[in-house]
Amino acid sequence: MVRFPRQLVASIIFVSSIPQKTVMHAYFVNRTRFQSLPVYVDIKNGKTRKLTLVRRIEGDIQALRNELSSFLDDGSIQIKSISNQLVIKGDRSSEVREWLTKRGF
């Protein structure tokens, strides 16, 4: 068992107790266990059709869809209500990741 000096333990507790930046939205996109955004590209039909998937959505998925479609200037966003996912036509993963990080997710 590793023993730490008392000052080091106090500094570890102090650093971990810093409050995180909170963002108030009607929805929340949880990060994966490796702290990456859950935005994926799905390739179908013999590599001719690309879809962007946004997973792990909690809250008002309709509000997220409306804000994201106004950002992307694209009305081709579908909601999978059973699995709480958004499906966007095309490979828009880099734009969606950038938008989510600007929003604080």
PDB file of N, CA and C in Angstrom:
ATOM      1  N   MET A   1       0.837  -1.172   0.000  1.00  0.00           N
ATOM      2  CA  MET A   1       0.000   0.000   0.000  1.00  0.00           C
ATOM      3  C   MET A   1       0.886   1.241   0.000  1.00  0.00           C
ATOM      4  N   VAL A   2       0.554   2.186  -0.848  1.00  0.00           N
ATOM      5  CA  VAL A   2       1.334   3.407  -0.983  1.00  0.00           C
ATOM      6  C   VAL A   2       0.819   4.428   0.019  1.00  0.00           C
ATOM      7  N   ARG A   3       1.737   5.055   0.732  1.00  0.00           N
ATOM      8  CA  ARG A   3       1.353   6.086   1.699  1.00  0.00           C
ATOM      9  C   ARG A   3       1.746   7.448   1.148  1.00  0.00           C
ATOM     10  N   PHE A   4       0.821   8.382   1.211  1.00  0.00           N
ATOM     11  CA  PHE A   4       1.065   9.734   0.750  1.00  0.00           C
ATOM     12  C   PHE A   4       1.203  10.660   1.944  1.00  0.00           C
ATOM     13  N   PRO A   5       2.057  11.672   1.821  1.00  0.00           N
ATOM     14  CA  PRO A   5       2.122  12.673   2.885  1.00  0.00           C
ATOM     15  C   PRO A   5       0.788  13.402   2.993  1.00  0.00           C
ATOM     16  N   ARG A   6       0.505  13.916   4.164  1.00  0.00           N
ATOM     17  CA  ARG A   6      -0.769  14.560   4.433  1.00  0.00           C
ATOM     18  C   ARG A   6      -1.021  15.754   3.504  1.00  0.00           C
ATOM     19  N   GLN A   7       0.002  16.519   3.188  1.00  0.00           N
ATOM     20  CA  GLN A   7      -0.178  17.685   2.325  1.00  0.00           C
ATOM     21  C   GLN A   7      -0.581  17.270   0.917  1.00  0.00           C
ATOM     22  N   LEU A   8      -0.022  16.185   0.415  1.00  0.00           N
ATOM     23  CA  LEU A   8      -0.351  15.718  -0.913  1.00  0.00           C
ATOM     24  C   LEU A   8      -1.794  15.242  -0.980  1.00  0.00           C
ATOM     25  N   VAL A   9      -2.244  14.530   0.028  1.00  0.00           N
ATOM     26  CA  VAL A   9      -3.625  14.063   0.070  1.00  0.00           C
ATOM     27  C   VAL A   9      -4.579  15.247   0.102  1.00  0.00           C
ATOM     28  N   ALA A  10      -4.256  16.271   0.874  1.00  0.00           N
ATOM     29  CA  ALA A  10      -5.108  17.456   0.941  1.00  0.00           C
ATOM     30  C   ALA A  10      -5.171  18.156  -0.409  1.00  0.00           C
ATOM     31  N   SER A  11      -4.061  18.223  -1.129  1.00  0.00           N
ATOM     32  CA  SER A  11      -4.078  18.886  -2.425  1.00  0.00           C
ATOM     33  C   SER A  11      -4.850  18.062  -3.454  1.00  0.00           C
ATOM     34  N   ILE A  12      -4.807  16.741  -3.353  1.00  0.00           N
ATOM     35  CA  ILE A  12      -5.580  15.908  -4.268  1.00  0.00           C
ATOM     36  C   ILE A  12      -7.069  16.121  -4.032  1.00  0.00           C
ATOM     37  N   ILE A  13      -7.475  16.177  -2.794  1.00  0.00           N
ATOM     38  CA  ILE A  13      -8.882  16.402  -2.470  1.00  0.00           C
ATOM     39  C   ILE A  13      -9.299  17.793  -2.927  1.00  0.00           C
ATOM     40  N   PHE A  14      -8.443  18.774  -2.742  1.00  0.00           N
ATOM     41  CA  PHE A  14      -8.768  20.143  -3.131  1.00  0.00           C
ATOM     42  C   PHE A  14      -8.940  20.258  -4.637  1.00  0.00           C
ATOM     43  N   VAL A  15      -8.073  19.637  -5.409  1.00  0.00           N
ATOM     44  CA  VAL A  15      -8.158  19.714  -6.862  1.00  0.00           C
ATOM     45  C   VAL A  15      -9.416  18.999  -7.361  1.00  0.00           C
ATOM     46  N   SER A  16      -9.753  17.863  -6.780  1.00  0.00           N
ATOM     47  CA  SER A  16     -10.913  17.125  -7.258  1.00  0.00           C
ATOM     48  C   SER A  16     -12.224  17.770  -6.815  1.00  0.00           C
ATOM     49  N   SER A  17     -12.195  18.703  -5.866  1.00  0.00           N
ATOM     50  CA  SER A  17     -13.428  19.322  -5.417  1.00  0.00           C
ATOM     51  C   SER A  17     -13.723  20.635  -6.131  1.00  0.00           C
ATOM     52  N   ILE A  18     -12.974  20.942  -7.200  1.00  0.00           N
ATOM     53  CA  ILE A  18     -13.242  22.146  -7.979  1.00  0.00           C
ATOM     54  C   ILE A  18     -14.552  21.948  -8.729  1.00  0.00           C
ATOM     55  N   PRO A  19     -15.489  22.893  -8.629  1.00  0.00           N
ATOM     56  CA  PRO A  19     -16.767  22.702  -9.317  1.00  0.00           C
ATOM     57  C   PRO A  19     -16.592  22.744 -10.838  1.00  0.00           C
ATOM     58  N   GLN A  20     -17.310  21.859 -11.507  1.00  0.00           N
ATOM     59  CA  GLN A  20     -17.250  21.786 -12.959  1.00  0.00           C
ATOM     60  C   GLN A  20     -18.182  22.818 -13.571  1.00  0.00           C
ATOM     61  N   LYS A  21     -17.915  23.197 -14.804  1.00  0.00           N
ATOM     62  CA  LYS A  21     -18.740  24.144 -15.524  1.00  0.00           C
ATOM     63  C   LYS A  21     -20.091  23.499 -15.826  1.00  0.00           C
ATOM     64  N   THR A  22     -21.169  24.121 -15.392  1.00  0.00           N
ATOM     65  CA  THR A  22     -22.489  23.569 -15.628  1.00  0.00           C
ATOM     66  C   THR A  22     -23.165  24.303 -16.771  1.00  0.00           C
ATOM     67  N   VAL A  23     -23.877  23.558 -17.572  1.00  0.00           N
ATOM     68  CA  VAL A  23     -24.563  24.103 -18.730  1.00  0.00           C
ATOM     69  C   VAL A  23     -26.046  23.782 -18.565  1.00  0.00           C
ATOM     70  N   MET A  24     -26.882  24.777 -18.750  1.00  0.00           N
ATOM     71  CA  MET A  24     -28.319  24.572 -18.589  1.00  0.00           C
ATOM     72  C   MET A  24     -28.983  24.473 -19.960  1.00  0.00           C
ATOM     73  N   HIS A  25     -29.389  23.277 -20.324  1.00  0.00           N
ATOM     74  CA  HIS A  25     -30.135  23.021 -21.546  1.00  0.00           C
ATOM     75  C   HIS A  25     -31.285  22.100 -21.187  1.00  0.00           C
ATOM     76  N   ALA A  26     -32.221  21.951 -22.096  1.00  0.00           N
ATOM     77  CA  ALA A  26     -33.337  21.031 -21.879  1.00  0.00           C
ATOM     78  C   ALA A  26     -32.925  19.590 -22.174  1.00  0.00           C
ATOM     79  N   TYR A  27     -31.709  19.404 -22.627  1.00  0.00           N
ATOM     80  CA  TYR A  27     -31.195  18.085 -22.980  1.00  0.00           C
ATOM     81  C   TYR A  27     -29.762  17.977 -22.483  1.00  0.00           C
ATOM     82  N   PHE A  28     -29.255  16.734 -22.473  1.00  0.00           N
ATOM     83  CA  PHE A  28     -27.883  16.499 -22.062  1.00  0.00           C
ATOM     84  C   PHE A  28     -27.327  15.350 -22.878  1.00  0.00           C
ATOM     85  N   VAL A  29     -26.102  15.488 -23.361  1.00  0.00           N
ATOM     86  CA  VAL A  29     -25.421  14.440 -24.118  1.00  0.00           C
ATOM     87  C   VAL A  29     -24.284  13.923 -23.243  1.00  0.00           C
ATOM     88  N   ASN A  30     -24.453  12.710 -22.740  1.00  0.00           N
ATOM     89  CA  ASN A  30     -23.427  12.099 -21.890  1.00  0.00           C
ATOM     90  C   ASN A  30     -22.225  11.698 -22.719  1.00  0.00           C
ATOM     91  N   ARG A  31     -21.053  11.888 -22.161  1.00  0.00           N
ATOM     92  CA  ARG A  31     -19.842  11.416 -22.820  1.00  0.00           C
ATOM     93  C   ARG A  31     -19.659   9.926 -22.544  1.00  0.00           C
ATOM     94  N   THR A  32     -18.807   9.286 -23.344  1.00  0.00           N
ATOM     95  CA  THR A  32     -18.532   7.867 -23.160  1.00  0.00           C
ATOM     96  C   THR A  32     -17.600   7.691 -21.961  1.00  0.00           C
ATOM     97  N   ARG A  33     -17.303   6.458 -21.625  1.00  0.00           N
ATOM     98  CA  ARG A  33     -16.442   6.224 -20.462  1.00  0.00           C
ATOM     99  C   ARG A  33     -15.008   6.675 -20.697  1.00  0.00           C
ATOM    100  N   PHE A  34     -14.631   6.890 -21.952  1.00  0.00           N
ATOM    101  CA  PHE A  34     -13.302   7.406 -22.279  1.00  0.00           C
ATOM    102  C   PHE A  34     -13.327   8.912 -22.517  1.00  0.00           C
ATOM    103  N   GLN A  35     -14.436   9.568 -22.130  1.00  0.00           N
ATOM    104  CA  GLN A  35     -14.611  11.021 -22.186  1.00  0.00           C
ATOM    105  C   GLN A  35     -14.630  11.581 -23.599  1.00  0.00           C
ATOM    106  N   SER A  36     -15.075  10.788 -24.563  1.00  0.00           N
ATOM    107  CA  SER A  36     -15.250  11.314 -25.912  1.00  0.00           C
ATOM    108  C   SER A  36     -16.742  11.513 -26.177  1.00  0.00           C
ATOM    109  N   LEU A  37     -17.057  12.349 -27.141  1.00  0.00           N
ATOM    110  CA  LEU A  37     -18.455  12.610 -27.463  1.00  0.00           C
ATOM    111  C   LEU A  37     -19.044  11.428 -28.229  1.00  0.00           C
ATOM    112  N   PRO A  38     -20.283  11.060 -27.957  1.00  0.00           N
ATOM    113  CA  PRO A  38     -20.892   9.895 -28.615  1.00  0.00           C
ATOM    114  C   PRO A  38     -21.451  10.231 -29.994  1.00  0.00           C
ATOM    115  N   VAL A  39     -20.587  10.650 -30.891  1.00  0.00           N
ATOM    116  CA  VAL A  39     -20.959  10.978 -32.266  1.00  0.00           C
ATOM    117  C   VAL A  39     -20.225   9.990 -33.172  1.00  0.00           C
ATOM    118  N   TYR A  40     -20.996   9.253 -33.969  1.00  0.00           N
ATOM    119  CA  TYR A  40     -20.432   8.176 -34.768  1.00  0.00           C
ATOM    120  C   TYR A  40     -20.874   8.297 -36.224  1.00  0.00           C
ATOM    121  N   VAL A  41     -20.105   7.691 -37.136  1.00  0.00           N
ATOM    122  CA  VAL A  41     -20.459   7.622 -38.548  1.00  0.00           C
ATOM    123  C   VAL A  41     -20.817   6.177 -38.857  1.00  0.00           C
ATOM    124  N   ASP A  42     -21.996   5.983 -39.437  1.00  0.00           N
ATOM    125  CA  ASP A  42     -22.472   4.658 -39.822  1.00  0.00           C
ATOM    126  C   ASP A  42     -22.478   4.594 -41.348  1.00  0.00           C
ATOM    127  N   ILE A  43     -21.823   3.579 -41.910  1.00  0.00           N
ATOM    128  CA  ILE A  43     -21.722   3.435 -43.369  1.00  0.00           C
ATOM    129  C   ILE A  43     -22.594   2.264 -43.794  1.00  0.00           C
ATOM    130  N   LYS A  44     -23.494   2.526 -44.753  1.00  0.00           N
ATOM    131  CA  LYS A  44     -24.429   1.498 -45.199  1.00  0.00           C
ATOM    132  C   LYS A  44     -24.420   1.408 -46.717  1.00  0.00           C
ATOM    133  N   ASN A  45     -25.146   0.431 -47.251  1.00  0.00           N
ATOM    134  CA  ASN A  45     -25.350   0.234 -48.688  1.00  0.00           C
ATOM    135  C   ASN A  45     -24.036   0.142 -49.463  1.00  0.00           C
ATOM    136  N   GLY A  46     -23.155  -0.688 -49.027  1.00  0.00           N
ATOM    137  CA  GLY A  46     -21.900  -0.877 -49.765  1.00  0.00           C
ATOM    138  C   GLY A  46     -21.038   0.363 -49.807  1.00  0.00           C
ATOM    139  N   LYS A  47     -20.950   1.062 -48.711  1.00  0.00           N
ATOM    140  CA  LYS A  47     -20.129   2.271 -48.544  1.00  0.00           C
ATOM    141  C   LYS A  47     -20.600   3.446 -49.399  1.00  0.00           C
ATOM    142  N   THR A  48     -21.887   3.466 -49.767  1.00  0.00           N
ATOM    143  CA  THR A  48     -22.396   4.584 -50.552  1.00  0.00           C
ATOM    144  C   THR A  48     -23.266   5.531 -49.741  1.00  0.00           C
ATOM    145  N   ARG A  49     -23.732   5.111 -48.576  1.00  0.00           N
ATOM    146  CA  ARG A  49     -24.607   5.947 -47.747  1.00  0.00           C
ATOM    147  C   ARG A  49     -23.964   6.121 -46.376  1.00  0.00           C
ATOM    148  N   LYS A  50     -23.726   7.372 -45.992  1.00  0.00           N
ATOM    149  CA  LYS A  50     -23.130   7.662 -44.693  1.00  0.00           C
ATOM    150  C   LYS A  50     -24.139   8.388 -43.826  1.00  0.00           C
ATOM    151  N   LEU A  51     -24.215   7.958 -42.574  1.00  0.00           N
ATOM    152  CA  LEU A  51     -25.103   8.557 -41.593  1.00  0.00           C
ATOM    153  C   LEU A  51     -24.293   8.945 -40.371  1.00  0.00           C
ATOM    154  N   THR A  52     -24.645  10.056 -39.755  1.00  0.00           N
ATOM    155  CA  THR A  52     -24.026  10.468 -38.501  1.00  0.00           C
ATOM    156  C   THR A  52     -25.002  10.183 -37.381  1.00  0.00           C
ATOM    157  N   LEU A  53     -24.538   9.487 -36.346  1.00  0.00           N
ATOM    158  CA  LEU A  53     -25.374   9.138 -35.204  1.00  0.00           C
ATOM    159  C   LEU A  53     -24.915   9.903 -33.970  1.00  0.00           C
ATOM    160  N   VAL A  54     -25.865  10.447 -33.234  1.00  0.00           N
ATOM    161  CA  VAL A  54     -25.586  11.065 -31.935  1.00  0.00           C
ATOM    162  C   VAL A  54     -26.318  10.222 -30.912  1.00  0.00           C
ATOM    163  N   ARG A  55     -25.596   9.623 -29.999  1.00  0.00           N
ATOM    164  CA  ARG A  55     -26.163   8.716 -28.998  1.00  0.00           C
ATOM    165  C   ARG A  55     -26.079   9.328 -27.603  1.00  0.00           C
ATOM    166  N   ARG A  56     -26.614   8.604 -26.637  1.00  0.00           N
ATOM    167  CA  ARG A  56     -26.555   8.932 -25.212  1.00  0.00           C
ATOM    168  C   ARG A  56     -27.180  10.294 -24.906  1.00  0.00           C
ATOM    169  N   ILE A  57     -28.357  10.545 -25.455  1.00  0.00           N
ATOM    170  CA  ILE A  57     -29.059  11.805 -25.260  1.00  0.00           C
ATOM    171  C   ILE A  57     -30.082  11.625 -24.144  1.00  0.00           C
ATOM    172  N   GLU A  58     -30.094  12.556 -23.216  1.00  0.00           N
ATOM    173  CA  GLU A  58     -31.089  12.572 -22.146  1.00  0.00           C
ATOM    174  C   GLU A  58     -31.849  13.882 -22.201  1.00  0.00           C
ATOM    175  N   GLY A  59     -33.123  13.836 -21.861  1.00  0.00           N
ATOM    176  CA  GLY A  59     -33.918  15.060 -21.819  1.00  0.00           C
ATOM    177  C   GLY A  59     -34.709  15.269 -23.093  1.00  0.00           C
ATOM    178  N   ASP A  60     -34.887  16.523 -23.463  1.00  0.00           N
ATOM    179  CA  ASP A  60     -35.726  16.911 -24.600  1.00  0.00           C
ATOM    180  C   ASP A  60     -34.957  16.751 -25.904  1.00  0.00           C
ATOM    181  N   ILE A  61     -35.144  15.617 -26.547  1.00  0.00           N
ATOM    182  CA  ILE A  61     -34.418  15.312 -27.782  1.00  0.00           C
ATOM    183  C   ILE A  61     -34.916  16.175 -28.944  1.00  0.00           C
ATOM    184  N   GLN A  62     -36.171  16.599 -28.868  1.00  0.00           N
ATOM    185  CA  GLN A  62     -36.733  17.459 -29.914  1.00  0.00           C
ATOM    186  C   GLN A  62     -36.049  18.827 -29.921  1.00  0.00           C
ATOM    187  N   ALA A  63     -35.753  19.369 -28.736  1.00  0.00           N
ATOM    188  CA  ALA A  63     -35.053  20.658 -28.649  1.00  0.00           C
ATOM    189  C   ALA A  63     -33.646  20.545 -29.220  1.00  0.00           C
ATOM    190  N   LEU A  64     -32.968  19.431 -28.926  1.00  0.00           N
ATOM    191  CA  LEU A  64     -31.630  19.207 -29.488  1.00  0.00           C
ATOM    192  C   LEU A  64     -31.704  19.126 -31.010  1.00  0.00           C
ATOM    193  N   ARG A  65     -32.692  18.429 -31.529  1.00  0.00           N
ATOM    194  CA  ARG A  65     -32.853  18.305 -32.980  1.00  0.00           C
ATOM    195  C   ARG A  65     -33.082  19.677 -33.617  1.00  0.00           C
ATOM    196  N   ASN A  66     -33.935  20.499 -33.013  1.00  0.00           N
ATOM    197  CA  ASN A  66     -34.225  21.820 -33.577  1.00  0.00           C
ATOM    198  C   ASN A  66     -32.991  22.712 -33.593  1.00  0.00           C
ATOM    199  N   GLU A  67     -32.233  22.729 -32.499  1.00  0.00           N
ATOM    200  CA  GLU A  67     -31.033  23.564 -32.433  1.00  0.00           C
ATOM    201  C   GLU A  67     -29.946  23.068 -33.374  1.00  0.00           C
ATOM    202  N   LEU A  68     -29.807  21.760 -33.454  1.00  0.00           N
ATOM    203  CA  LEU A  68     -28.785  21.190 -34.341  1.00  0.00           C
ATOM    204  C   LEU A  68     -29.148  21.392 -35.812  1.00  0.00           C
ATOM    205  N   SER A  69     -30.422  21.283 -36.151  1.00  0.00           N
ATOM    206  CA  SER A  69     -30.811  21.487 -37.551  1.00  0.00           C
ATOM    207  C   SER A  69     -30.669  22.950 -37.959  1.00  0.00           C
ATOM    208  N   SER A  70     -30.878  23.876 -37.031  1.00  0.00           N
ATOM    209  CA  SER A  70     -30.657  25.285 -37.372  1.00  0.00           C
ATOM    210  C   SER A  70     -29.166  25.580 -37.540  1.00  0.00           C
ATOM    211  N   PHE A  71     -28.311  24.882 -36.790  1.00  0.00           N
ATOM    212  CA  PHE A  71     -26.870  25.064 -36.926  1.00  0.00           C
ATOM    213  C   PHE A  71     -26.366  24.475 -38.249  1.00  0.00           C
ATOM    214  N   LEU A  72     -26.842  23.289 -38.584  1.00  0.00           N
ATOM    215  CA  LEU A  72     -26.366  22.602 -39.790  1.00  0.00           C
ATOM    216  C   LEU A  72     -27.069  23.084 -41.052  1.00  0.00           C
ATOM    217  N   ASP A  73     -28.111  23.884 -40.924  1.00  0.00           N
ATOM    218  CA  ASP A  73     -28.924  24.325 -42.064  1.00  0.00           C
ATOM    219  C   ASP A  73     -29.400  23.132 -42.880  1.00  0.00           C
ATOM    220  N   ASP A  74     -29.853  22.108 -42.162  1.00  0.00           N
ATOM    221  CA  ASP A  74     -30.251  20.861 -42.810  1.00  0.00           C
ATOM    222  C   ASP A  74     -31.472  20.309 -42.079  1.00  0.00           C
ATOM    223  N   GLY A  75     -32.484  19.942 -42.829  1.00  0.00           N
ATOM    224  CA  GLY A  75     -33.686  19.394 -42.222  1.00  0.00           C
ATOM    225  C   GLY A  75     -33.734  17.888 -42.238  1.00  0.00           C
ATOM    226  N   SER A  76     -32.627  17.250 -42.527  1.00  0.00           N
ATOM    227  CA  SER A  76     -32.612  15.789 -42.654  1.00  0.00           C
ATOM    228  C   SER A  76     -32.107  15.115 -41.379  1.00  0.00           C
ATOM    229  N   ILE A  77     -32.661  15.522 -40.243  1.00  0.00           N
ATOM    230  CA  ILE A  77     -32.293  14.909 -38.968  1.00  0.00           C
ATOM    231  C   ILE A  77     -33.497  14.133 -38.466  1.00  0.00           C
ATOM    232  N   GLN A  78     -33.310  12.849 -38.238  1.00  0.00           N
ATOM    233  CA  GLN A  78     -34.381  11.994 -37.742  1.00  0.00           C
ATOM    234  C   GLN A  78     -34.133  11.652 -36.288  1.00  0.00           C
ATOM    235  N   ILE A  79     -35.213  11.396 -35.568  1.00  0.00           N
ATOM    236  CA  ILE A  79     -35.134  11.013 -34.159  1.00  0.00           C
ATOM    237  C   ILE A  79     -35.494   9.541 -34.033  1.00  0.00           C
ATOM    238  N   LYS A  80     -34.620   8.778 -33.373  1.00  0.00           N
ATOM    239  CA  LYS A  80     -34.949   7.405 -32.984  1.00  0.00           C
ATOM    240  C   LYS A  80     -35.359   7.479 -31.514  1.00  0.00           C
ATOM    241  N   SER A  81     -36.657   7.539 -31.267  1.00  0.00           N
ATOM    242  CA  SER A  81     -37.141   7.789 -29.910  1.00  0.00           C
ATOM    243  C   SER A  81     -36.941   6.600 -28.970  1.00  0.00           C
ATOM    244  N   ILE A  82     -36.910   5.398 -29.502  1.00  0.00           N
ATOM    245  CA  ILE A  82     -36.741   4.222 -28.648  1.00  0.00           C
ATOM    246  C   ILE A  82     -35.340   4.191 -28.049  1.00  0.00           C
ATOM    247  N   SER A  83     -34.331   4.499 -28.857  1.00  0.00           N
ATOM    248  CA  SER A  83     -32.952   4.438 -28.382  1.00  0.00           C
ATOM    249  C   SER A  83     -32.373   5.816 -28.056  1.00  0.00           C
ATOM    250  N   ASN A  84     -33.188   6.872 -28.131  1.00  0.00           N
ATOM    251  CA  ASN A  84     -32.740   8.246 -27.855  1.00  0.00           C
ATOM    252  C   ASN A  84     -31.505   8.617 -28.671  1.00  0.00           C
ATOM    253  N   GLN A  85     -31.637   8.503 -29.987  1.00  0.00           N
ATOM    254  CA  GLN A  85     -30.545   8.828 -30.893  1.00  0.00           C
ATOM    255  C   GLN A  85     -31.030   9.782 -31.970  1.00  0.00           C
ATOM    256  N   LEU A  86     -30.109  10.565 -32.496  1.00  0.00           N
ATOM    257  CA  LEU A  86     -30.363  11.388 -33.667  1.00  0.00           C
ATOM    258  C   LEU A  86     -29.609  10.790 -34.844  1.00  0.00           C
ATOM    259  N   VAL A  87     -30.246  10.771 -36.009  1.00  0.00           N
ATOM    260  CA  VAL A  87     -29.629  10.262 -37.230  1.00  0.00           C
ATOM    261  C   VAL A  87     -29.610  11.411 -38.236  1.00  0.00           C
ATOM    262  N   ILE A  88     -28.414  11.770 -38.698  1.00  0.00           N
ATOM    263  CA  ILE A  88     -28.223  12.871 -39.632  1.00  0.00           C
ATOM    264  C   ILE A  88     -27.672  12.295 -40.933  1.00  0.00           C
ATOM    265  N   LYS A  89     -28.246  12.700 -42.052  1.00  0.00           N
ATOM    266  CA  LYS A  89     -27.755  12.216 -43.345  1.00  0.00           C
ATOM    267  C   LYS A  89     -26.396  12.832 -43.649  1.00  0.00           C
ATOM    268  N   GLY A  90     -25.484  12.004 -44.109  1.00  0.00           N
ATOM    269  CA  GLY A  90     -24.149  12.464 -44.473  1.00  0.00           C
ATOM    270  C   GLY A  90     -23.176  12.356 -43.319  1.00  0.00           C
ATOM    271  N   ASP A  91     -21.917  12.550 -43.620  1.00  0.00           N
ATOM    272  CA  ASP A  91     -20.850  12.525 -42.611  1.00  0.00           C
ATOM    273  C   ASP A  91     -20.673  13.935 -42.067  1.00  0.00           C
ATOM    274  N   ARG A  92     -21.417  14.266 -41.025  1.00  0.00           N
ATOM    275  CA  ARG A  92     -21.359  15.583 -40.394  1.00  0.00           C
ATOM    276  C   ARG A  92     -20.781  15.478 -38.986  1.00  0.00           C
ATOM    277  N   SER A  93     -20.027  14.419 -38.717  1.00  0.00           N
ATOM    278  CA  SER A  93     -19.559  14.144 -37.361  1.00  0.00           C
ATOM    279  C   SER A  93     -18.635  15.228 -36.825  1.00  0.00           C
ATOM    280  N   SER A  94     -17.725  15.739 -37.641  1.00  0.00           N
ATOM    281  CA  SER A  94     -16.801  16.761 -37.145  1.00  0.00           C
ATOM    282  C   SER A  94     -17.546  18.050 -36.801  1.00  0.00           C
ATOM    283  N   GLU A  95     -18.551  18.410 -37.598  1.00  0.00           N
ATOM    284  CA  GLU A  95     -19.325  19.613 -37.308  1.00  0.00           C
ATOM    285  C   GLU A  95     -20.154  19.448 -36.042  1.00  0.00           C
ATOM    286  N   VAL A  96     -20.738  18.265 -35.861  1.00  0.00           N
ATOM    287  CA  VAL A  96     -21.560  18.014 -34.682  1.00  0.00           C
ATOM    288  C   VAL A  96     -20.701  17.996 -33.430  1.00  0.00           C
ATOM    289  N   ARG A  97     -19.526  17.369 -33.480  1.00  0.00           N
ATOM    290  CA  ARG A  97     -18.623  17.350 -32.323  1.00  0.00           C
ATOM    291  C   ARG A  97     -18.184  18.765 -31.942  1.00  0.00           C
ATOM    292  N   GLU A  98     -17.859  19.565 -32.931  1.00  0.00           N
ATOM    293  CA  GLU A  98     -17.452  20.946 -32.683  1.00  0.00           C
ATOM    294  C   GLU A  98     -18.593  21.746 -32.056  1.00  0.00           C
ATOM    295  N   TRP A  99     -19.808  21.557 -32.556  1.00  0.00           N
ATOM    296  CA  TRP A  99     -20.972  22.263 -32.029  1.00  0.00           C
ATOM    297  C   TRP A  99     -21.258  21.855 -30.592  1.00  0.00           C
ATOM    298  N   LEU A 100     -21.156  20.563 -30.294  1.00  0.00           N
ATOM    299  CA  LEU A 100     -21.402  20.082 -28.933  1.00  0.00           C
ATOM    300  C   LEU A 100     -20.362  20.609 -27.954  1.00  0.00           C
ATOM    301  N   THR A 101     -19.098  20.668 -28.368  1.00  0.00           N
ATOM    302  CA  THR A 101     -18.064  21.188 -27.465  1.00  0.00           C
ATOM    303  C   THR A 101     -18.249  22.683 -27.228  1.00  0.00           C
ATOM    304  N   LYS A 102     -18.698  23.427 -28.242  1.00  0.00           N
ATOM    305  CA  LYS A 102     -18.966  24.856 -28.031  1.00  0.00           C
ATOM    306  C   LYS A 102     -20.135  25.061 -27.083  1.00  0.00           C
ATOM    307  N   ARG A 103     -21.078  24.117 -27.062  1.00  0.00           N
ATOM    308  CA  ARG A 103     -22.241  24.222 -26.189  1.00  0.00           C
ATOM    309  C   ARG A 103     -21.929  23.762 -24.765  1.00  0.00           C
ATOM    310  N   GLY A 104     -20.754  23.214 -24.548  1.00  0.00           N
ATOM    311  CA  GLY A 104     -20.363  22.838 -23.191  1.00  0.00           C
ATOM    312  C   GLY A 104     -20.497  21.379 -22.857  1.00  0.00           C
ATOM    313  N   PHE A 105     -20.676  20.531 -23.848  1.00  0.00           N
ATOM    314  CA  PHE A 105     -20.789  19.101 -23.594  1.00  0.00           C
ATOM    315  C   PHE A 105     -19.435  18.474 -23.789  1.00  0.00           C
TER     316      PHE A 105
END
